[in-house]
């Protein structure tokens, strides 16, 4: 599967953004999907993931209550709604796909999110 992330940008603290990740191929619905982020000088970290069909969702503690992951398999797209953004959310955000919740071998190119105080 090939993934294309979009929707990043620059916002002030407290603002919102919605990231999208479009996947290619007919088997998109068969993948678990996740969002990860990498801040400058730091390692890439897990943000959120959603199971096939969307029945199971997990979030990193740092984004619980502010971020919402969802998927629309008819559009081969996974979303991440990000509200109440903080400067520490500044990072390059990557979407990823896999066949298990803990293994994501397929990655998109990343989209930059910058939150100013």
N, C-alpha and C. Protein backbone atom coordinates (compact mmCIF):
# COMPACT_ATOMS: atom_id res chain seq x y z
N UNK A 1 0.84 -1.17 0.00
CA UNK A 1 0.00 0.00 0.00
C UNK A 1 0.88 1.24 0.00
N UNK A 2 0.48 2.25 -0.76
CA UNK A 2 1.19 3.53 -0.77
C UNK A 2 0.34 4.56 -0.05
N UNK A 3 0.98 5.39 0.75
CA UNK A 3 0.27 6.34 1.60
C UNK A 3 0.71 7.76 1.30
N UNK A 4 -0.24 8.68 1.33
CA UNK A 4 0.03 10.09 1.06
C UNK A 4 -0.65 10.92 2.15
N UNK A 5 0.15 11.52 3.01
CA UNK A 5 -0.38 12.34 4.09
C UNK A 5 -0.49 13.80 3.66
N UNK A 6 -1.49 14.46 4.21
CA UNK A 6 -1.69 15.88 3.92
C UNK A 6 -2.43 16.54 5.07
N UNK A 7 -2.53 17.86 5.01
CA UNK A 7 -3.32 18.58 6.00
C UNK A 7 -2.52 19.30 7.06
N UNK A 8 -1.21 19.16 7.03
CA UNK A 8 -0.39 19.87 8.00
C UNK A 8 -0.40 21.36 7.75
N UNK A 9 0.15 22.10 8.68
CA UNK A 9 0.21 23.54 8.54
C UNK A 9 0.69 24.19 9.82
N UNK A 10 0.53 25.51 9.87
CA UNK A 10 0.93 26.28 11.03
C UNK A 10 -0.29 26.88 11.70
N UNK A 11 -0.41 26.66 12.99
CA UNK A 11 -1.53 27.19 13.76
C UNK A 11 -1.03 27.73 15.09
N UNK A 12 -1.85 28.53 15.71
CA UNK A 12 -1.54 29.00 17.05
C UNK A 12 -2.02 27.99 18.08
N UNK A 13 -1.43 28.04 19.24
CA UNK A 13 -1.84 27.16 20.33
C UNK A 13 -3.35 27.29 20.57
N UNK A 14 -3.98 26.15 20.76
CA UNK A 14 -5.43 26.12 20.94
C UNK A 14 -6.19 25.88 19.65
N UNK A 15 -5.49 25.96 18.54
CA UNK A 15 -6.13 25.77 17.25
C UNK A 15 -6.31 24.31 16.89
N UNK A 16 -6.83 24.08 15.68
CA UNK A 16 -7.13 22.73 15.22
C UNK A 16 -6.60 22.51 13.81
N UNK A 17 -6.33 21.27 13.53
CA UNK A 17 -5.97 20.83 12.19
C UNK A 17 -6.54 19.43 11.98
N UNK A 18 -6.80 19.08 10.74
CA UNK A 18 -7.19 17.71 10.41
C UNK A 18 -6.23 17.16 9.38
N UNK A 19 -5.56 16.11 9.75
CA UNK A 19 -4.66 15.42 8.84
C UNK A 19 -5.42 14.33 8.10
N UNK A 20 -5.03 14.11 6.86
CA UNK A 20 -5.59 13.04 6.06
C UNK A 20 -4.46 12.17 5.53
N UNK A 21 -4.77 10.91 5.34
CA UNK A 21 -3.80 9.99 4.77
C UNK A 21 -4.54 9.11 3.77
N UNK A 22 -4.25 9.31 2.52
CA UNK A 22 -4.91 8.56 1.46
C UNK A 22 -4.05 7.36 1.07
N UNK A 23 -4.69 6.21 1.00
CA UNK A 23 -3.99 5.00 0.63
C UNK A 23 -4.39 4.51 -0.74
N UNK A 24 -3.47 3.84 -1.38
CA UNK A 24 -3.76 3.27 -2.69
C UNK A 24 -4.12 1.81 -2.54
N UNK A 25 -4.78 1.28 -3.54
CA UNK A 25 -5.06 -0.15 -3.54
C UNK A 25 -6.41 -0.52 -2.99
N UNK A 26 -6.88 -1.67 -3.39
CA UNK A 26 -8.21 -2.12 -2.99
C UNK A 26 -8.25 -2.72 -1.60
N UNK A 27 -7.07 -2.99 -1.03
CA UNK A 27 -7.04 -3.70 0.24
C UNK A 27 -6.87 -2.78 1.43
N UNK A 28 -7.12 -1.47 1.25
CA UNK A 28 -6.93 -0.50 2.33
C UNK A 28 -7.68 -0.92 3.58
N UNK A 29 -8.89 -1.41 3.41
CA UNK A 29 -9.71 -1.77 4.57
C UNK A 29 -9.11 -2.90 5.38
N UNK A 30 -8.20 -3.64 4.81
CA UNK A 30 -7.58 -4.75 5.51
C UNK A 30 -6.40 -4.36 6.38
N UNK A 31 -6.05 -3.09 6.40
CA UNK A 31 -4.90 -2.62 7.16
C UNK A 31 -5.30 -1.94 8.46
N UNK A 32 -4.50 -2.18 9.47
CA UNK A 32 -4.51 -1.33 10.64
C UNK A 32 -3.79 -0.04 10.24
N UNK A 33 -4.23 1.09 10.77
CA UNK A 33 -3.63 2.36 10.41
C UNK A 33 -3.19 3.11 11.65
N UNK A 34 -2.11 3.86 11.50
CA UNK A 34 -1.60 4.60 12.64
C UNK A 34 -1.03 5.95 12.24
N UNK A 35 -0.95 6.80 13.23
CA UNK A 35 -0.27 8.10 13.08
C UNK A 35 0.89 8.13 14.07
N UNK A 36 2.00 8.65 13.59
CA UNK A 36 3.19 8.81 14.41
C UNK A 36 3.71 10.23 14.17
N UNK A 37 4.59 10.68 15.04
CA UNK A 37 5.16 12.01 14.84
C UNK A 37 6.61 12.03 15.29
N UNK A 38 7.34 12.95 14.68
CA UNK A 38 8.75 13.10 15.02
C UNK A 38 9.06 14.58 15.12
N UNK A 39 9.41 15.00 16.33
CA UNK A 39 9.81 16.38 16.58
C UNK A 39 11.30 16.52 16.24
N UNK A 40 11.75 17.74 15.98
CA UNK A 40 13.16 17.97 15.64
C UNK A 40 14.09 17.43 16.71
N UNK A 41 15.05 16.63 16.30
CA UNK A 41 16.03 16.11 17.23
C UNK A 41 15.55 14.99 18.12
N UNK A 42 14.33 14.51 17.87
CA UNK A 42 13.77 13.45 18.71
C UNK A 42 13.40 12.24 17.87
N UNK A 43 13.17 11.13 18.53
CA UNK A 43 12.78 9.92 17.83
C UNK A 43 11.31 9.98 17.44
N UNK A 44 10.95 9.13 16.49
CA UNK A 44 9.56 9.06 16.06
C UNK A 44 8.73 8.34 17.13
N UNK A 45 7.58 8.91 17.45
CA UNK A 45 6.74 8.36 18.52
C UNK A 45 5.33 8.06 18.02
N UNK A 46 4.73 7.09 18.64
CA UNK A 46 3.35 6.72 18.37
C UNK A 46 2.39 7.82 18.81
N UNK A 47 1.35 8.06 18.02
CA UNK A 47 0.32 9.03 18.38
C UNK A 47 -1.04 8.35 18.53
N UNK A 48 -1.46 7.61 17.49
CA UNK A 48 -2.77 6.97 17.53
C UNK A 48 -2.80 5.83 16.52
N UNK A 49 -3.69 4.88 16.75
CA UNK A 49 -3.85 3.79 15.80
C UNK A 49 -5.29 3.31 15.83
N UNK A 50 -5.71 2.75 14.72
CA UNK A 50 -7.09 2.31 14.57
C UNK A 50 -7.08 0.96 13.86
N UNK A 51 -7.94 0.07 14.33
CA UNK A 51 -7.98 -1.27 13.78
C UNK A 51 -8.76 -1.31 12.47
N UNK A 52 -8.69 -2.46 11.81
CA UNK A 52 -9.54 -2.69 10.66
C UNK A 52 -10.99 -2.56 11.10
N UNK A 53 -11.76 -1.82 10.37
CA UNK A 53 -13.14 -1.60 10.73
C UNK A 53 -13.35 -0.51 11.76
N UNK A 54 -12.30 -0.09 12.44
CA UNK A 54 -12.40 1.01 13.38
C UNK A 54 -12.91 0.67 14.76
N UNK A 55 -13.00 -0.60 15.09
CA UNK A 55 -13.57 -0.97 16.39
C UNK A 55 -12.62 -0.77 17.55
N UNK A 56 -11.33 -0.76 17.29
CA UNK A 56 -10.34 -0.57 18.36
C UNK A 56 -9.47 0.63 18.03
N UNK A 57 -9.35 1.51 18.99
CA UNK A 57 -8.57 2.74 18.82
C UNK A 57 -7.73 2.95 20.06
N UNK A 58 -6.48 3.37 19.85
CA UNK A 58 -5.57 3.66 20.96
C UNK A 58 -4.89 5.00 20.71
N UNK A 59 -4.65 5.71 21.79
CA UNK A 59 -3.98 7.00 21.71
C UNK A 59 -2.81 7.05 22.68
N UNK A 60 -1.81 7.81 22.31
CA UNK A 60 -0.76 8.15 23.26
C UNK A 60 -1.37 9.02 24.35
N UNK A 61 -0.88 8.89 25.56
CA UNK A 61 -1.43 9.66 26.67
C UNK A 61 -1.37 11.16 26.40
N UNK A 62 -0.36 11.60 25.69
CA UNK A 62 -0.16 13.03 25.46
C UNK A 62 -1.22 13.66 24.56
N UNK A 63 -1.98 12.84 23.84
CA UNK A 63 -2.97 13.40 22.91
C UNK A 63 -4.40 12.97 23.24
N UNK A 64 -4.57 12.12 24.25
CA UNK A 64 -5.91 11.67 24.62
C UNK A 64 -6.81 12.85 24.95
N UNK A 65 -8.02 12.81 24.40
CA UNK A 65 -8.98 13.87 24.64
C UNK A 65 -8.83 15.06 23.71
N UNK A 66 -7.74 15.08 22.94
CA UNK A 66 -7.53 16.20 22.01
C UNK A 66 -7.51 15.74 20.55
N UNK A 67 -7.00 14.55 20.31
CA UNK A 67 -6.88 14.01 18.95
C UNK A 67 -7.91 12.90 18.75
N UNK A 68 -8.40 12.79 17.53
CA UNK A 68 -9.34 11.73 17.18
C UNK A 68 -8.93 11.12 15.84
N UNK A 69 -8.69 9.82 15.86
CA UNK A 69 -8.38 9.11 14.63
C UNK A 69 -9.64 8.45 14.11
N UNK A 70 -9.79 8.44 12.79
CA UNK A 70 -10.95 7.80 12.18
C UNK A 70 -10.55 7.33 10.79
N UNK A 71 -11.39 6.52 10.21
CA UNK A 71 -11.09 6.02 8.87
C UNK A 71 -12.36 5.94 8.04
N UNK A 72 -12.19 6.14 6.74
CA UNK A 72 -13.27 5.99 5.78
C UNK A 72 -12.76 5.05 4.70
N UNK A 73 -13.07 3.79 4.83
CA UNK A 73 -12.54 2.80 3.91
C UNK A 73 -13.09 2.97 2.49
N UNK A 74 -14.25 3.57 2.36
CA UNK A 74 -14.79 3.83 1.02
C UNK A 74 -13.92 4.83 0.28
N UNK A 75 -13.22 5.68 1.03
CA UNK A 75 -12.35 6.69 0.43
C UNK A 75 -10.87 6.32 0.59
N UNK A 76 -10.61 5.14 1.14
CA UNK A 76 -9.22 4.72 1.38
C UNK A 76 -8.44 5.78 2.15
N UNK A 77 -9.06 6.33 3.16
CA UNK A 77 -8.45 7.45 3.87
C UNK A 77 -8.60 7.28 5.38
N UNK A 78 -7.54 7.63 6.08
CA UNK A 78 -7.57 7.72 7.54
C UNK A 78 -7.33 9.18 7.91
N UNK A 79 -8.00 9.61 8.96
CA UNK A 79 -7.94 11.01 9.39
C UNK A 79 -7.42 11.11 10.81
N UNK A 80 -6.92 12.26 11.12
CA UNK A 80 -6.61 12.59 12.51
C UNK A 80 -7.04 14.03 12.76
N UNK A 81 -8.09 14.18 13.51
CA UNK A 81 -8.55 15.49 13.94
C UNK A 81 -7.76 15.90 15.17
N UNK A 82 -7.13 17.04 15.13
CA UNK A 82 -6.29 17.49 16.23
C UNK A 82 -6.83 18.82 16.75
N UNK A 83 -7.31 18.81 17.97
CA UNK A 83 -7.87 20.00 18.61
C UNK A 83 -7.00 20.42 19.79
N UNK A 84 -7.21 21.63 20.24
CA UNK A 84 -6.47 22.16 21.41
C UNK A 84 -4.97 21.93 21.24
N UNK A 85 -4.47 22.28 20.09
CA UNK A 85 -3.06 22.02 19.80
C UNK A 85 -2.15 22.82 20.71
N UNK A 86 -1.02 22.20 21.04
CA UNK A 86 -0.02 22.80 21.92
C UNK A 86 1.30 22.92 21.16
N UNK A 87 2.17 23.82 21.58
CA UNK A 87 3.48 23.93 20.92
C UNK A 87 4.24 22.60 20.91
N UNK A 88 4.05 21.79 21.93
CA UNK A 88 4.75 20.50 21.98
C UNK A 88 4.20 19.49 21.00
N UNK A 89 3.12 19.81 20.31
CA UNK A 89 2.61 18.95 19.24
C UNK A 89 3.34 19.20 17.93
N UNK A 90 4.19 20.21 17.90
CA UNK A 90 4.95 20.51 16.69
C UNK A 90 5.83 19.32 16.30
N UNK A 91 5.66 18.85 15.06
CA UNK A 91 6.39 17.67 14.60
C UNK A 91 6.03 17.41 13.15
N UNK A 92 6.76 16.50 12.55
CA UNK A 92 6.34 15.93 11.28
C UNK A 92 5.48 14.72 11.62
N UNK A 93 4.29 14.69 11.05
CA UNK A 93 3.36 13.61 11.32
C UNK A 93 3.35 12.64 10.15
N UNK A 94 3.43 11.36 10.49
CA UNK A 94 3.46 10.30 9.51
C UNK A 94 2.28 9.36 9.71
N UNK A 95 1.69 8.93 8.60
CA UNK A 95 0.72 7.85 8.70
C UNK A 95 1.41 6.54 8.31
N UNK A 96 0.87 5.45 8.83
CA UNK A 96 1.47 4.15 8.59
C UNK A 96 0.39 3.10 8.52
N UNK A 97 0.71 2.01 7.86
CA UNK A 97 -0.24 0.91 7.70
C UNK A 97 0.44 -0.42 8.01
N UNK A 98 -0.35 -1.34 8.52
CA UNK A 98 0.18 -2.65 8.81
C UNK A 98 -0.92 -3.68 8.93
N UNK A 99 -0.52 -4.92 9.12
CA UNK A 99 -1.49 -6.00 9.24
C UNK A 99 -1.68 -6.41 10.70
N UNK A 100 -1.02 -5.71 11.59
CA UNK A 100 -1.19 -5.94 13.02
C UNK A 100 -1.10 -4.61 13.74
N UNK A 101 -1.70 -4.51 14.90
CA UNK A 101 -1.74 -3.24 15.63
C UNK A 101 -0.36 -2.79 16.09
N UNK A 102 0.59 -3.70 16.18
CA UNK A 102 1.90 -3.33 16.70
C UNK A 102 2.99 -3.36 15.64
N UNK A 103 2.60 -3.48 14.39
CA UNK A 103 3.59 -3.59 13.31
C UNK A 103 3.13 -2.79 12.11
N UNK A 104 3.86 -1.72 11.81
CA UNK A 104 3.49 -0.84 10.70
C UNK A 104 4.65 -0.72 9.72
N UNK A 105 4.70 -1.57 8.73
CA UNK A 105 5.83 -1.54 7.80
C UNK A 105 5.68 -0.56 6.64
N UNK A 106 4.50 0.00 6.45
CA UNK A 106 4.26 0.90 5.33
C UNK A 106 4.05 2.31 5.84
N UNK A 107 4.80 3.27 5.24
CA UNK A 107 4.79 4.64 5.74
C UNK A 107 4.54 5.65 4.64
N UNK A 108 3.84 6.72 5.00
CA UNK A 108 3.69 7.86 4.12
C UNK A 108 4.87 8.80 4.27
N UNK A 109 4.83 9.91 3.55
CA UNK A 109 5.98 10.81 3.48
C UNK A 109 6.04 11.83 4.61
N UNK A 110 4.99 12.00 5.37
CA UNK A 110 5.00 12.96 6.46
C UNK A 110 4.45 14.32 6.08
N UNK A 111 3.84 14.97 7.05
CA UNK A 111 3.32 16.32 6.86
C UNK A 111 3.65 17.14 8.11
N UNK A 112 4.13 18.35 7.91
CA UNK A 112 4.62 19.18 9.01
C UNK A 112 3.47 19.88 9.72
N UNK A 113 3.48 19.79 11.03
CA UNK A 113 2.54 20.54 11.88
C UNK A 113 3.37 21.43 12.79
N UNK A 114 3.08 22.72 12.77
CA UNK A 114 3.79 23.68 13.61
C UNK A 114 2.77 24.46 14.43
N UNK A 115 2.95 24.42 15.75
CA UNK A 115 2.04 25.10 16.66
C UNK A 115 2.83 26.18 17.39
N UNK A 116 2.41 27.42 17.25
CA UNK A 116 3.10 28.52 17.88
C UNK A 116 2.35 28.97 19.13
N UNK A 117 3.11 29.46 20.09
CA UNK A 117 2.51 29.89 21.36
C UNK A 117 2.06 31.34 21.30
